Amino acid sequence: MTTPTPQDTIDLALAVEGIYNDAQFRRADSYPALVATWADKRPVPTLEELEASWQAILEDQADESAEKSELQQKRSDNAGKIVLDDYRGTSPQIQALARKIAWLEAEIRDLRYLD
């Protein structure tokens, strides 16, 4: 394993293992001191790399949360069922499309256990 660059995701499990499982941890008063006492031969990320990786993780989580919120908002905005009576008197193609959309909406509700 090579030492990751700040753009790469740090193996946080490796870092946590180094911090909490090292027998000499209690004598280390700083991250560099801890790294100096770490007996494992794998490369240890620097504190800056850990911070950069953690920031990237937080940004990814924020982006994912924003996407979920946006999708939930779109679902809420479009939650109304299509009313086929609204399409009476329109062309047969529009009526057929409305029936297909209504069927798809019902299938989606069934798959999500809604209604």
Protein backbone atom coordinates (compact mmCIF):
# COMPACT_ATOMS: atom_id res chain seq x y z
CA MET A 1 0.00 0.00 0.00
CA THR A 2 1.36 3.40 -0.90
CA THR A 3 0.69 6.51 1.07
CA PRO A 4 -2.37 8.12 -0.49
CA THR A 5 -2.38 11.67 -1.76
CA PRO A 6 -4.87 14.12 -0.21
CA GLN A 7 -7.18 13.51 -3.19
CA ASP A 8 -7.37 9.78 -2.45
CA THR A 9 -9.60 8.27 0.17
CA ILE A 10 -7.60 7.31 3.25
CA ASP A 11 -8.07 3.89 4.77
CA LEU A 12 -9.71 5.22 7.92
CA ALA A 13 -9.95 1.74 9.40
CA LEU A 14 -6.17 1.50 9.17
CA ALA A 15 -5.78 4.87 10.85
CA VAL A 16 -8.24 3.99 13.62
CA GLU A 17 -6.46 0.67 14.10
CA GLY A 18 -3.21 2.56 14.49
CA ILE A 19 -4.68 4.97 16.99
CA TYR A 20 -6.68 2.61 19.18
CA ASN A 21 -4.91 -0.74 18.94
CA ASP A 22 -1.33 0.35 19.40
CA ALA A 23 -0.12 -0.79 22.79
CA GLN A 24 1.96 2.36 23.26
CA PHE A 25 -0.84 4.78 22.37
CA ARG A 26 -1.30 6.06 25.90
CA ARG A 27 2.29 7.36 25.93
CA ALA A 28 1.89 9.27 22.67
CA ASP A 29 0.85 12.87 23.26
CA SER A 30 0.39 13.77 19.57
CA TYR A 31 -0.38 12.13 16.26
CA PRO A 32 3.29 12.25 15.11
CA ALA A 33 4.34 10.67 18.42
CA LEU A 34 1.73 7.96 17.96
CA VAL A 35 2.92 7.26 14.43
CA ALA A 36 6.51 7.02 15.69
CA THR A 37 5.49 4.32 18.19
CA TRP A 38 3.32 2.35 15.81
CA ALA A 39 4.79 -1.13 15.33
CA ASP A 40 2.86 -1.96 12.16
CA LYS A 41 4.98 -1.71 9.01
CA ARG A 42 2.19 -0.45 6.75
CA PRO A 43 2.46 3.23 5.77
CA VAL A 44 0.60 5.50 8.14
CA PRO A 45 -1.30 8.45 6.69
CA THR A 46 -0.30 11.89 7.89
CA LEU A 47 -2.68 13.94 9.95
CA GLU A 48 -3.22 16.25 6.96
CA GLU A 49 -4.11 13.26 4.76
CA LEU A 50 -6.58 12.02 7.38
CA GLU A 51 -8.17 15.45 7.63
CA ALA A 52 -8.38 15.81 3.84
CA SER A 53 -9.86 12.33 3.53
CA TRP A 54 -12.38 12.99 6.28
CA GLN A 55 -13.37 16.25 4.60
CA ALA A 56 -13.89 14.38 1.31
CA ILE A 57 -16.06 11.82 3.12
CA LEU A 58 -18.13 14.59 4.72
CA GLU A 59 -18.58 16.30 1.34
CA ASP A 60 -19.66 13.00 -0.26
CA GLN A 61 -22.15 12.43 2.54
CA ALA A 62 -23.51 15.98 2.14
CA ASP A 63 -23.87 15.49 -1.62
CA GLU A 64 -25.63 12.16 -1.11
CA SER A 65 -27.96 13.70 1.48
CA ALA A 66 -28.78 16.59 -0.88
CA GLU A 67 -29.53 14.15 -3.72
CA LYS A 68 -31.80 12.08 -1.45
CA SER A 69 -33.60 15.22 -0.30
CA GLU A 70 -34.05 16.40 -3.88
CA LEU A 71 -35.41 13.01 -4.95
CA GLN A 72 -37.77 12.91 -1.96
CA GLN A 73 -38.99 16.42 -2.80
CA LYS A 74 -39.62 15.41 -6.42
CA ARG A 75 -41.50 12.33 -5.24
CA SER A 76 -43.62 14.49 -2.94
CA ASP A 77 -44.28 17.03 -5.69
CA ASN A 78 -45.42 14.32 -8.10
CA ALA A 79 -47.28 12.12 -5.63
CA GLY A 80 -50.72 12.76 -7.10
CA LYS A 81 -52.34 9.96 -9.05
CA ILE A 82 -53.22 10.52 -12.66
CA VAL A 83 -56.98 10.86 -13.22
CA LEU A 84 -57.98 9.16 -16.46
CA ASP A 85 -61.27 11.11 -16.63
CA ASP A 86 -59.23 14.25 -17.22
CA TYR A 87 -58.16 12.80 -20.57
CA ARG A 88 -61.60 11.96 -21.94
CA GLY A 89 -62.24 13.79 -25.16
CA THR A 90 -58.56 13.93 -26.07
CA SER A 91 -56.97 11.99 -28.91
CA PRO A 92 -56.84 8.18 -28.57
CA GLN A 93 -53.04 8.34 -28.40
CA ILE A 94 -53.15 10.71 -25.40
CA GLN A 95 -55.75 8.50 -23.70
CA ALA A 96 -53.58 5.42 -24.29
CA LEU A 97 -50.54 7.25 -22.91
CA ALA A 98 -52.50 8.34 -19.83
CA ARG A 99 -53.62 4.72 -19.21
CA LYS A 100 -50.02 3.50 -19.49
CA ILE A 101 -48.78 6.19 -17.11
CA ALA A 102 -51.54 5.34 -14.63
CA TRP A 103 -50.55 1.66 -14.85
CA LEU A 104 -46.87 2.53 -14.29
CA GLU A 105 -47.76 4.69 -11.30
CA ALA A 106 -49.75 1.81 -9.80
CA GLU A 107 -46.84 -0.58 -10.35
CA ILE A 108 -44.41 1.82 -8.66
CA ARG A 109 -46.75 2.28 -5.70
CA ASP A 110 -47.04 -1.51 -5.38
CA LEU A 111 -43.28 -1.95 -5.50
CA ARG A 112 -42.77 0.70 -2.83
CA TYR A 113 -45.70 -0.58 -0.76
CA LEU A 114 -47.47 2.78 -0.99
CA ASP A 115 -51.27 2.99 -0.75
